[in-house]
Amino acid sequence: MTYTSYNSNAMKKLRFKYKTLEEIHRKDMRNPEFKREWDALEVEFQIIHDILDKRIKKDMTQAELARKSGIGQATLSRLETGNYNPSIKFLKRIAKALDLKLTVRMV
């Protein structure tokens, strides 16, 4: 096994500037095309956020929510990562499994 040691003086010279996700997002939002696409996904982001928030507050794992809702864990995972576009029927099953009521409004 080979171990590499680093000279601390050399490491001090490598001052990396890490950016937070918020800093990157703020910069991206200044791009009109990015902002337009981001805003177009607001409803999807809100649905994902609400499901994750409720699941975590109820101290449920994805596997538990999948089992209780009768939805495959892989499908639930795709939903939570934004790679699945759920139907109203699907969202009702999730809401019921979380002991919630699904409400849809258009304003």
PDB file of N, CA and C in Angstrom:
ATOM      1  N   MET A   1       0.849  -1.160   0.000  1.00  0.00           N
ATOM      2  CA  MET A   1       0.000   0.000   0.000  1.00  0.00           C
ATOM      3  C   MET A   1       0.905   1.237   0.000  1.00  0.00           C
ATOM      4  N   THR A   2       0.537   2.219  -0.788  1.00  0.00           N
ATOM      5  CA  THR A   2       1.331   3.431  -0.897  1.00  0.00           C
ATOM      6  C   THR A   2       0.587   4.581  -0.243  1.00  0.00           C
ATOM      7  N   TYR A   3       1.287   5.329   0.547  1.00  0.00           N
ATOM      8  CA  TYR A   3       0.711   6.509   1.180  1.00  0.00           C
ATOM      9  C   TYR A   3       1.426   7.735   0.650  1.00  0.00           C
ATOM     10  N   THR A   4       0.671   8.768   0.416  1.00  0.00           N
ATOM     11  CA  THR A   4       1.244  10.008  -0.067  1.00  0.00           C
ATOM     12  C   THR A   4       1.094  11.047   1.020  1.00  0.00           C
ATOM     13  N   SER A   5       2.165  11.728   1.305  1.00  0.00           N
ATOM     14  CA  SER A   5       2.058  12.810   2.275  1.00  0.00           C
ATOM     15  C   SER A   5       2.100  14.128   1.512  1.00  0.00           C
ATOM     16  N   TYR A   6       1.446  15.099   2.069  1.00  0.00           N
ATOM     17  CA  TYR A   6       1.379  16.399   1.423  1.00  0.00           C
ATOM     18  C   TYR A   6       2.111  17.422   2.265  1.00  0.00           C
ATOM     19  N   ASN A   7       2.888  18.214   1.608  1.00  0.00           N
ATOM     20  CA  ASN A   7       3.597  19.303   2.255  1.00  0.00           C
ATOM     21  C   ASN A   7       2.566  20.367   2.620  1.00  0.00           C
ATOM     22  N   SER A   8       2.480  20.707   3.903  1.00  0.00           N
ATOM     23  CA  SER A   8       1.449  21.656   4.336  1.00  0.00           C
ATOM     24  C   SER A   8       1.632  23.024   3.695  1.00  0.00           C
ATOM     25  N   ASN A   9       2.875  23.429   3.412  1.00  0.00           N
ATOM     26  CA  ASN A   9       3.086  24.723   2.744  1.00  0.00           C
ATOM     27  C   ASN A   9       2.526  24.689   1.326  1.00  0.00           C
ATOM     28  N   ALA A  10       2.713  23.578   0.654  1.00  0.00           N
ATOM     29  CA  ALA A  10       2.172  23.446  -0.700  1.00  0.00           C
ATOM     30  C   ALA A  10       0.649  23.468  -0.666  1.00  0.00           C
ATOM     31  N   MET A  11       0.055  22.810   0.322  1.00  0.00           N
ATOM     32  CA  MET A  11      -1.400  22.774   0.433  1.00  0.00           C
ATOM     33  C   MET A  11      -1.971  24.160   0.711  1.00  0.00           C
ATOM     34  N   LYS A  12      -1.243  24.969   1.497  1.00  0.00           N
ATOM     35  CA  LYS A  12      -1.721  26.325   1.800  1.00  0.00           C
ATOM     36  C   LYS A  12      -1.779  27.182   0.549  1.00  0.00           C
ATOM     37  N   LYS A  13      -0.906  26.879  -0.423  1.00  0.00           N
ATOM     38  CA  LYS A  13      -0.878  27.653  -1.666  1.00  0.00           C
ATOM     39  C   LYS A  13      -2.054  27.301  -2.579  1.00  0.00           C
ATOM     40  N   LEU A  14      -2.660  26.168  -2.348  1.00  0.00           N
ATOM     41  CA  LEU A  14      -3.767  25.706  -3.186  1.00  0.00           C
ATOM     42  C   LEU A  14      -5.110  26.197  -2.671  1.00  0.00           C
ATOM     43  N   ARG A  15      -5.254  27.411  -2.379  1.00  0.00           N
ATOM     44  CA  ARG A  15      -6.473  27.982  -1.799  1.00  0.00           C
ATOM     45  C   ARG A  15      -7.656  27.796  -2.749  1.00  0.00           C
ATOM     46  N   PHE A  16      -8.394  26.697  -2.571  1.00  0.00           N
ATOM     47  CA  PHE A  16      -9.564  26.451  -3.388  1.00  0.00           C
ATOM     48  C   PHE A  16     -10.714  27.284  -2.869  1.00  0.00           C
ATOM     49  N   LYS A  17     -11.459  27.867  -3.779  1.00  0.00           N
ATOM     50  CA  LYS A  17     -12.641  28.627  -3.407  1.00  0.00           C
ATOM     51  C   LYS A  17     -13.855  27.769  -3.733  1.00  0.00           C
ATOM     52  N   TYR A  18     -14.418  27.167  -2.707  1.00  0.00           N
ATOM     53  CA  TYR A  18     -15.617  26.361  -2.892  1.00  0.00           C
ATOM     54  C   TYR A  18     -16.830  27.266  -2.888  1.00  0.00           C
ATOM     55  N   LYS A  19     -17.749  27.003  -3.784  1.00  0.00           N
ATOM     56  CA  LYS A  19     -18.987  27.768  -3.829  1.00  0.00           C
ATOM     57  C   LYS A  19     -20.105  26.926  -3.250  1.00  0.00           C
ATOM     58  N   THR A  20     -20.986  27.601  -2.542  1.00  0.00           N
ATOM     59  CA  THR A  20     -22.144  26.884  -2.009  1.00  0.00           C
ATOM     60  C   THR A  20     -23.163  26.713  -3.134  1.00  0.00           C
ATOM     61  N   LEU A  21     -24.080  25.796  -2.923  1.00  0.00           N
ATOM     62  CA  LEU A  21     -25.141  25.583  -3.899  1.00  0.00           C
ATOM     63  C   LEU A  21     -25.957  26.868  -4.075  1.00  0.00           C
ATOM     64  N   GLU A  22     -26.168  27.588  -2.986  1.00  0.00           N
ATOM     65  CA  GLU A  22     -26.918  28.851  -3.078  1.00  0.00           C
ATOM     66  C   GLU A  22     -26.199  29.870  -3.952  1.00  0.00           C
ATOM     67  N   GLU A  23     -24.869  29.948  -3.826  1.00  0.00           N
ATOM     68  CA  GLU A  23     -24.099  30.883  -4.657  1.00  0.00           C
ATOM     69  C   GLU A  23     -24.211  30.517  -6.137  1.00  0.00           C
ATOM     70  N   ILE A  24     -24.115  29.243  -6.419  1.00  0.00           N
ATOM     71  CA  ILE A  24     -24.222  28.778  -7.801  1.00  0.00           C
ATOM     72  C   ILE A  24     -25.624  29.066  -8.335  1.00  0.00           C
ATOM     73  N   HIS A  25     -26.639  28.790  -7.508  1.00  0.00           N
ATOM     74  CA  HIS A  25     -28.024  29.021  -7.930  1.00  0.00           C
ATOM     75  C   HIS A  25     -28.277  30.507  -8.194  1.00  0.00           C
ATOM     76  N   ARG A  26     -27.795  31.364  -7.305  1.00  0.00           N
ATOM     77  CA  ARG A  26     -27.969  32.813  -7.503  1.00  0.00           C
ATOM     78  C   ARG A  26     -27.373  33.263  -8.827  1.00  0.00           C
ATOM     79  N   LYS A  27     -26.184  32.763  -9.129  1.00  0.00           N
ATOM     80  CA  LYS A  27     -25.521  33.119 -10.390  1.00  0.00           C
ATOM     81  C   LYS A  27     -26.330  32.607 -11.574  1.00  0.00           C
ATOM     82  N   ASP A  28     -26.778  31.355 -11.500  1.00  0.00           N
ATOM     83  CA  ASP A  28     -27.551  30.779 -12.599  1.00  0.00           C
ATOM     84  C   ASP A  28     -28.856  31.525 -12.824  1.00  0.00           C
ATOM     85  N   MET A  29     -29.479  31.986 -11.749  1.00  0.00           N
ATOM     86  CA  MET A  29     -30.759  32.680 -11.870  1.00  0.00           C
ATOM     87  C   MET A  29     -30.626  34.033 -12.572  1.00  0.00           C
ATOM     88  N   ARG A  30     -29.423  34.545 -12.701  1.00  0.00           N
ATOM     89  CA  ARG A  30     -29.213  35.793 -13.454  1.00  0.00           C
ATOM     90  C   ARG A  30     -29.280  35.557 -14.964  1.00  0.00           C
ATOM     91  N   ASN A  31     -29.192  34.300 -15.359  1.00  0.00           N
ATOM     92  CA  ASN A  31     -29.301  33.943 -16.770  1.00  0.00           C
ATOM     93  C   ASN A  31     -30.796  33.832 -17.105  1.00  0.00           C
ATOM     94  N   PRO A  32     -31.331  34.693 -17.970  1.00  0.00           N
ATOM     95  CA  PRO A  32     -32.770  34.700 -18.252  1.00  0.00           C
ATOM     96  C   PRO A  32     -33.313  33.352 -18.749  1.00  0.00           C
ATOM     97  N   GLU A  33     -32.548  32.660 -19.576  1.00  0.00           N
ATOM     98  CA  GLU A  33     -33.010  31.367 -20.090  1.00  0.00           C
ATOM     99  C   GLU A  33     -33.097  30.334 -18.964  1.00  0.00           C
ATOM    100  N   PHE A  34     -32.079  30.304 -18.100  1.00  0.00           N
ATOM    101  CA  PHE A  34     -32.093  29.385 -16.961  1.00  0.00           C
ATOM    102  C   PHE A  34     -33.264  29.704 -16.044  1.00  0.00           C
ATOM    103  N   LYS A  35     -33.457  30.995 -15.741  1.00  0.00           N
ATOM    104  CA  LYS A  35     -34.534  31.413 -14.841  1.00  0.00           C
ATOM    105  C   LYS A  35     -35.896  31.021 -15.392  1.00  0.00           C
ATOM    106  N   ARG A  36     -36.088  31.191 -16.689  1.00  0.00           N
ATOM    107  CA  ARG A  36     -37.361  30.828 -17.322  1.00  0.00           C
ATOM    108  C   ARG A  36     -37.621  29.319 -17.171  1.00  0.00           C
ATOM    109  N   GLU A  37     -36.601  28.504 -17.411  1.00  0.00           N
ATOM    110  CA  GLU A  37     -36.747  27.052 -17.273  1.00  0.00           C
ATOM    111  C   GLU A  37     -36.975  26.660 -15.811  1.00  0.00           C
ATOM    112  N   TRP A  38     -36.249  27.299 -14.906  1.00  0.00           N
ATOM    113  CA  TRP A  38     -36.396  27.025 -13.471  1.00  0.00           C
ATOM    114  C   TRP A  38     -37.819  27.343 -13.013  1.00  0.00           C
ATOM    115  N   ASP A  39     -38.302  28.521 -13.397  1.00  0.00           N
ATOM    116  CA  ASP A  39     -39.647  28.937 -13.006  1.00  0.00           C
ATOM    117  C   ASP A  39     -40.715  28.005 -13.583  1.00  0.00           C
ATOM    118  N   ALA A  40     -40.468  27.474 -14.782  1.00  0.00           N
ATOM    119  CA  ALA A  40     -41.430  26.572 -15.408  1.00  0.00           C
ATOM    120  C   ALA A  40     -41.564  25.266 -14.624  1.00  0.00           C
ATOM    121  N   LEU A  41     -40.560  24.924 -13.835  1.00  0.00           N
ATOM    122  CA  LEU A  41     -40.572  23.683 -13.051  1.00  0.00           C
ATOM    123  C   LEU A  41     -41.005  23.892 -11.601  1.00  0.00           C
ATOM    124  N   GLU A  42     -41.466  25.077 -11.271  1.00  0.00           N
ATOM    125  CA  GLU A  42     -41.808  25.397  -9.884  1.00  0.00           C
ATOM    126  C   GLU A  42     -42.823  24.429  -9.280  1.00  0.00           C
ATOM    127  N   VAL A  43     -43.865  24.087 -10.018  1.00  0.00           N
ATOM    128  CA  VAL A  43     -44.902  23.192  -9.492  1.00  0.00           C
ATOM    129  C   VAL A  43     -44.305  21.822  -9.182  1.00  0.00           C
ATOM    130  N   GLU A  44     -43.495  21.297 -10.105  1.00  0.00           N
ATOM    131  CA  GLU A  44     -42.862  19.993  -9.882  1.00  0.00           C
ATOM    132  C   GLU A  44     -41.965  20.025  -8.656  1.00  0.00           C
ATOM    133  N   PHE A  45     -41.169  21.083  -8.525  1.00  0.00           N
ATOM    134  CA  PHE A  45     -40.281  21.213  -7.362  1.00  0.00           C
ATOM    135  C   PHE A  45     -41.081  21.266  -6.063  1.00  0.00           C
ATOM    136  N   GLN A  46     -42.198  21.977  -6.071  1.00  0.00           N
ATOM    137  CA  GLN A  46     -43.019  22.101  -4.870  1.00  0.00           C
ATOM    138  C   GLN A  46     -43.624  20.759  -4.473  1.00  0.00           C
ATOM    139  N   ILE A  47     -44.082  19.996  -5.449  1.00  0.00           N
ATOM    140  CA  ILE A  47     -44.645  18.670  -5.158  1.00  0.00           C
ATOM    141  C   ILE A  47     -43.578  17.778  -4.540  1.00  0.00           C
ATOM    142  N   ILE A  48     -42.403  17.756  -5.155  1.00  0.00           N
ATOM    143  CA  ILE A  48     -41.301  16.936  -4.638  1.00  0.00           C
ATOM    144  C   ILE A  48     -40.943  17.376  -3.219  1.00  0.00           C
ATOM    145  N   HIS A  49     -40.830  18.675  -3.014  1.00  0.00           N
ATOM    146  CA  HIS A  49     -40.482  19.203  -1.689  1.00  0.00           C
ATOM    147  C   HIS A  49     -41.520  18.783  -0.655  1.00  0.00           C
ATOM    148  N   ASP A  50     -42.799  18.927  -0.996  1.00  0.00           N
ATOM    149  CA  ASP A  50     -43.862  18.591  -0.045  1.00  0.00           C
ATOM    150  C   ASP A  50     -43.846  17.107   0.324  1.00  0.00           C
ATOM    151  N   ILE A  51     -43.666  16.246  -0.665  1.00  0.00           N
ATOM    152  CA  ILE A  51     -43.638  14.805  -0.387  1.00  0.00           C
ATOM    153  C   ILE A  51     -42.440  14.452   0.487  1.00  0.00           C
ATOM    154  N   LEU A  52     -41.272  14.955   0.131  1.00  0.00           N
ATOM    155  CA  LEU A  52     -40.075  14.686   0.940  1.00  0.00           C
ATOM    156  C   LEU A  52     -40.239  15.214   2.364  1.00  0.00           C
ATOM    157  N   ASP A  53     -40.738  16.434   2.471  1.00  0.00           N
ATOM    158  CA  ASP A  53     -40.912  17.058   3.781  1.00  0.00           C
ATOM    159  C   ASP A  53     -41.854  16.228   4.658  1.00  0.00           C
ATOM    160  N   LYS A  54     -42.985  15.834   4.111  1.00  0.00           N
ATOM    161  CA  LYS A  54     -43.962  15.062   4.894  1.00  0.00           C
ATOM    162  C   LYS A  54     -43.411  13.683   5.256  1.00  0.00           C
ATOM    163  N   ARG A  55     -42.730  13.044   4.293  1.00  0.00           N
ATOM    164  CA  ARG A  55     -42.174  11.711   4.564  1.00  0.00           C
ATOM    165  C   ARG A  55     -41.138  11.772   5.677  1.00  0.00           C
ATOM    166  N   ILE A  56     -40.270  12.761   5.624  1.00  0.00           N
ATOM    167  CA  ILE A  56     -39.216  12.901   6.641  1.00  0.00           C
ATOM    168  C   ILE A  56     -39.821  13.267   7.993  1.00  0.00           C
ATOM    169  N   LYS A  57     -40.802  14.157   8.010  1.00  0.00           N
ATOM    170  CA  LYS A  57     -41.449  14.527   9.273  1.00  0.00           C
ATOM    171  C   LYS A  57     -42.157  13.345   9.916  1.00  0.00           C
ATOM    172  N   LYS A  58     -42.637  12.415   9.097  1.00  0.00           N
ATOM    173  CA  LYS A  58     -43.282  11.217   9.637  1.00  0.00           C
ATOM    174  C   LYS A  58     -42.261  10.106   9.899  1.00  0.00           C
ATOM    175  N   ASP A  59     -40.987  10.440   9.735  1.00  0.00           N
ATOM    176  CA  ASP A  59     -39.887   9.508   9.998  1.00  0.00           C
ATOM    177  C   ASP A  59     -40.056   8.209   9.209  1.00  0.00           C
ATOM    178  N   MET A  60     -40.428   8.366   7.932  1.00  0.00           N
ATOM    179  CA  MET A  60     -40.614   7.209   7.057  1.00  0.00           C
ATOM    180  C   MET A  60     -39.477   7.133   6.054  1.00  0.00           C
ATOM    181  N   THR A  61     -39.050   5.932   5.760  1.00  0.00           N
ATOM    182  CA  THR A  61     -38.078   5.733   4.697  1.00  0.00           C
ATOM    183  C   THR A  61     -38.831   5.640   3.373  1.00  0.00           C
ATOM    184  N   GLN A  62     -38.082   5.722   2.285  1.00  0.00           N
ATOM    185  CA  GLN A  62     -38.709   5.520   0.979  1.00  0.00           C
ATOM    186  C   GLN A  62     -39.353   4.143   0.914  1.00  0.00           C
ATOM    187  N   ALA A  63     -38.661   3.153   1.446  1.00  0.00           N
ATOM    188  CA  ALA A  63     -39.183   1.780   1.410  1.00  0.00           C
ATOM    189  C   ALA A  63     -40.509   1.678   2.160  1.00  0.00           C
ATOM    190  N   GLU A  64     -40.593   2.332   3.313  1.00  0.00           N
ATOM    191  CA  GLU A  64     -41.833   2.293   4.091  1.00  0.00           C
ATOM    192  C   GLU A  64     -42.974   2.983   3.349  1.00  0.00           C
ATOM    193  N   LEU A  65     -42.693   4.149   2.761  1.00  0.00           N
ATOM    194  CA  LEU A  65     -43.730   4.862   2.020  1.00  0.00           C
ATOM    195  C   LEU A  65     -44.139   4.064   0.784  1.00  0.00           C
ATOM    196  N   ALA A  66     -43.174   3.473   0.127  1.00  0.00           N
ATOM    197  CA  ALA A  66     -43.487   2.658  -1.052  1.00  0.00           C
ATOM    198  C   ALA A  66     -44.385   1.489  -0.671  1.00  0.00           C
ATOM    199  N   ARG A  67     -44.056   0.816   0.395  1.00  0.00           N
ATOM    200  CA  ARG A  67     -44.842  -0.335   0.849  1.00  0.00           C
ATOM    201  C   ARG A  67     -46.256   0.102   1.242  1.00  0.00           C
ATOM    202  N   LYS A  68     -46.363   1.186   1.986  1.00  0.00           N
ATOM    203  CA  LYS A  68     -47.667   1.650   2.467  1.00  0.00           C
ATOM    204  C   LYS A  68     -48.546   2.165   1.324  1.00  0.00           C
ATOM    205  N   SER A  69     -47.921   2.734   0.289  1.00  0.00           N
ATOM    206  CA  SER A  69     -48.693   3.287  -0.826  1.00  0.00           C
ATOM    207  C   SER A  69     -48.918   2.285  -1.946  1.00  0.00           C
ATOM    208  N   GLY A  70     -48.165   1.183  -1.922  1.00  0.00           N
ATOM    209  CA  GLY A  70     -48.279   0.200  -2.994  1.00  0.00           C
ATOM    210  C   GLY A  70     -47.559   0.624  -4.261  1.00  0.00           C
ATOM    211  N   ILE A  71     -46.660   1.561  -4.111  1.00  0.00           N
ATOM    212  CA  ILE A  71     -45.875   2.068  -5.244  1.00  0.00           C
ATOM    213  C   ILE A  71     -44.454   1.539  -5.093  1.00  0.00           C
ATOM    214  N   GLY A  72     -43.838   1.157  -6.182  1.00  0.00           N
ATOM    215  CA  GLY A  72     -42.474   0.639  -6.121  1.00  0.00           C
ATOM    216  C   GLY A  72     -41.497   1.679  -5.596  1.00  0.00           C
ATOM    217  N   GLN A  73     -40.520   1.232  -4.822  1.00  0.00           N
ATOM    218  CA  GLN A  73     -39.542   2.161  -4.267  1.00  0.00           C
ATOM    219  C   GLN A  73     -38.752   2.864  -5.372  1.00  0.00           C
ATOM    220  N   ALA A  74     -38.452   2.143  -6.445  1.00  0.00           N
ATOM    221  CA  ALA A  74     -37.707   2.760  -7.551  1.00  0.00           C
ATOM    222  C   ALA A  74     -38.505   3.913  -8.158  1.00  0.00           C
ATOM    223  N   THR A  75     -39.815   3.738  -8.283  1.00  0.00           N
ATOM    224  CA  THR A  75     -40.673   4.800  -8.819  1.00  0.00           C
ATOM    225  C   THR A  75     -40.710   5.979  -7.858  1.00  0.00           C
ATOM    226  N   LEU A  76     -40.810   5.691  -6.582  1.00  0.00           N
ATOM    227  CA  LEU A  76     -40.811   6.757  -5.572  1.00  0.00           C
ATOM    228  C   LEU A  76     -39.480   7.515  -5.590  1.00  0.00           C
ATOM    229  N   SER A  77     -38.397   6.793  -5.746  1.00  0.00           N
ATOM    230  CA  SER A  77     -37.080   7.420  -5.826  1.00  0.00           C
ATOM    231  C   SER A  77     -36.992   8.331  -7.052  1.00  0.00           C
ATOM    232  N   ARG A  78     -37.502   7.860  -8.193  1.00  0.00           N
ATOM    233  CA  ARG A  78     -37.490   8.701  -9.399  1.00  0.00           C
ATOM    234  C   ARG A  78     -38.316   9.962  -9.181  1.00  0.00           C
ATOM    235  N   LEU A  79     -39.449   9.837  -8.487  1.00  0.00           N
ATOM    236  CA  LEU A  79     -40.267  11.011  -8.187  1.00  0.00           C
ATOM    237  C   LEU A  79     -39.475  12.002  -7.348  1.00  0.00           C
ATOM    238  N   GLU A  80     -38.851  11.526  -6.276  1.00  0.00           N
ATOM    239  CA  GLU A  80     -38.135  12.412  -5.353  1.00  0.00           C
ATOM    240  C   GLU A  80     -36.904  13.057  -5.983  1.00  0.00           C
ATOM    241  N   THR A  81     -36.388  12.477  -7.050  1.00  0.00           N
ATOM    242  CA  THR A  81     -35.235  13.078  -7.731  1.00  0.00           C
ATOM    243  C   THR A  81     -35.660  13.879  -8.959  1.00  0.00           C
ATOM    244  N   GLY A  82     -36.969  13.974  -9.187  1.00  0.00           N
ATOM    245  CA  GLY A  82     -37.470  14.782 -10.296  1.00  0.00           C
ATOM    246  C   GLY A  82     -37.458  14.066 -11.630  1.00  0.00           C
ATOM    247  N   ASN A  83     -37.334  12.761 -11.627  1.00  0.00           N
ATOM    248  CA  ASN A  83     -37.280  12.003 -12.872  1.00  0.00           C
ATOM    249  C   ASN A  83     -38.552  11.218 -13.151  1.00  0.00           C
ATOM    250  N   TYR A  84     -39.644  11.620 -12.547  1.00  0.00           N
ATOM    251  CA  TYR A  84     -40.923  10.941 -12.755  1.00  0.00           C
ATOM    252  C   TYR A  84     -42.024  11.984 -12.678  1.00  0.00           C
ATOM    253  N   ASN A  85     -42.914  11.977 -13.642  1.00  0.00           N
ATOM    254  CA  ASN A  85     -44.024  12.916 -13.677  1.00  0.00           C
ATOM    255  C   ASN A  85     -45.274  12.182 -13.196  1.00  0.00           C
ATOM    256  N   PRO A  86     -45.690  12.412 -11.946  1.00  0.00           N
ATOM    257  CA  PRO A  86     -46.790  11.635 -11.368  1.00  0.00           C
ATOM    258  C   PRO A  86     -48.164  12.073 -11.858  1.00  0.00           C
ATOM    259  N   SER A  87     -49.076  11.133 -11.869  1.00  0.00           N
ATOM    260  CA  SER A  87     -50.476  11.432 -12.169  1.00  0.00           C
ATOM    261  C   SER A  87     -51.165  11.856 -10.868  1.00  0.00           C
ATOM    262  N   ILE A  88     -52.369  12.381 -11.005  1.00  0.00           N
ATOM    263  CA  ILE A  88     -53.161  12.745  -9.827  1.00  0.00           C
ATOM    264  C   ILE A  88     -53.443  11.488  -9.006  1.00  0.00           C
ATOM    265  N   LYS A  89     -53.758  10.385  -9.671  1.00  0.00           N
ATOM    266  CA  LYS A  89     -54.019   9.121  -8.980  1.00  0.00           C
ATOM    267  C   LYS A  89     -52.804   8.700  -8.155  1.00  0.00           C
ATOM    268  N   PHE A  90     -51.631   8.820  -8.721  1.00  0.00           N
ATOM    269  CA  PHE A  90     -50.385   8.483  -8.031  1.00  0.00           C
ATOM    270  C   PHE A  90     -50.220   9.354  -6.781  1.00  0.00           C
ATOM    271  N   LEU A  91     -50.437  10.667  -6.945  1.00  0.00           N
ATOM    272  CA  LEU A  91     -50.292  11.596  -5.819  1.00  0.00           C
ATOM    273  C   LEU A  91     -51.320  11.309  -4.719  1.00  0.00           C
ATOM    274  N   LYS A  92     -52.522  10.890  -5.101  1.00  0.00           N
ATOM    275  CA  LYS A  92     -53.530  10.518  -4.104  1.00  0.00           C
ATOM    276  C   LYS A  92     -53.056   9.332  -3.272  1.00  0.00           C
ATOM    277  N   ARG A  93     -52.436   8.361  -3.917  1.00  0.00           N
ATOM    278  CA  ARG A  93     -51.919   7.189  -3.190  1.00  0.00           C
ATOM    279  C   ARG A  93     -50.827   7.594  -2.208  1.00  0.00           C
ATOM    280  N   ILE A  94     -49.960   8.501  -2.639  1.00  0.00           N
ATOM    281  CA  ILE A  94     -48.893   8.990  -1.751  1.00  0.00           C
ATOM    282  C   ILE A  94     -49.511   9.739  -0.580  1.00  0.00           C
ATOM    283  N   ALA A  95     -50.463  10.632  -0.871  1.00  0.00           N
ATOM    284  CA  ALA A  95     -51.107  11.414   0.185  1.00  0.00           C
ATOM    285  C   ALA A  95     -51.788  10.502   1.199  1.00  0.00           C
ATOM    286  N   LYS A  96     -52.502   9.506   0.721  1.00  0.00           N
ATOM    287  CA  LYS A  96     -53.195   8.573   1.621  1.00  0.00           C
ATOM    288  C   LYS A  96     -52.189   7.826   2.495  1.00  0.00           C
ATOM    289  N   ALA A  97     -51.084   7.393   1.911  1.00  0.00           N
ATOM    290  CA  ALA A  97     -50.063   6.666   2.668  1.00  0.00           C
ATOM    291  C   ALA A  97     -49.416   7.553   3.732  1.00  0.00           C
ATOM    292  N   LEU A  98     -49.419   8.870   3.494  1.00  0.00           N
ATOM    293  CA  LEU A  98     -48.868   9.827   4.461  1.00  0.00           C
ATOM    294  C   LEU A  98     -49.950  10.376   5.398  1.00  0.00           C
ATOM    295  N   ASP A  99     -51.155   9.811   5.318  1.00  0.00           N
ATOM    296  CA  ASP A  99     -52.307  10.266   6.114  1.00  0.00           C
ATOM    297  C   ASP A  99     -52.618  11.735   5.852  1.00  0.00           C
ATOM    298  N   LEU A 100     -52.576  12.102   4.575  1.00  0.00           N
ATOM    299  CA  LEU A 100     -52.857  13.468   4.151  1.00  0.00           C
ATOM    300  C   LEU A 100     -53.954  13.462   3.096  1.00  0.00           C
ATOM    301  N   LYS A 101     -54.421  14.644   2.753  1.00  0.00           N
ATOM    302  CA  LYS A 101     -55.407  14.811   1.710  1.00  0.00           C
ATOM    303  C   LYS A 101     -54.766  15.604   0.584  1.00  0.00           C
ATOM    304  N   LEU A 102     -54.900  15.138  -0.636  1.00  0.00           N
ATOM    305  CA  LEU A 102     -54.348  15.850  -1.780  1.00  0.00           C
ATOM    306  C   LEU A 102     -55.308  16.967  -2.179  1.00  0.00           C
ATOM    307  N   THR A 103     -54.788  18.161  -2.322  1.00  0.00           N
ATOM    308  CA  THR A 103     -55.573  19.301  -2.776  1.00  0.00           C
ATOM    309  C   THR A 103     -54.837  19.930  -3.950  1.00  0.00           C
ATOM    310  N   VAL A 104     -55.570  20.162  -5.040  1.00  0.00           N
ATOM    311  CA  VAL A 104     -54.997  20.798  -6.231  1.00  0.00           C
ATOM    312  C   VAL A 104     -55.755  22.102  -6.445  1.00  0.00           C
ATOM    313  N   ARG A 105     -55.003  23.182  -6.635  1.00  0.00           N
ATOM    314  CA  ARG A 105     -55.636  24.483  -6.883  1.00  0.00           C
ATOM    315  C   ARG A 105     -55.012  25.128  -8.098  1.00  0.00           C
ATOM    316  N   MET A 106     -55.817  25.847  -8.811  1.00  0.00           N
ATOM    317  CA  MET A 106     -55.316  26.663  -9.922  1.00  0.00           C
ATOM    318  C   MET A 106     -55.669  28.104  -9.604  1.00  0.00           C
ATOM    319  N   VAL A 107     -54.665  28.960  -9.535  1.00  0.00           N
ATOM    320  CA  VAL A 107     -54.920  30.363  -9.184  1.00  0.00           C
ATOM    321  C   VAL A 107     -54.417  31.285 -10.255  1.00  0.00           C
TER     322      VAL A 107
END
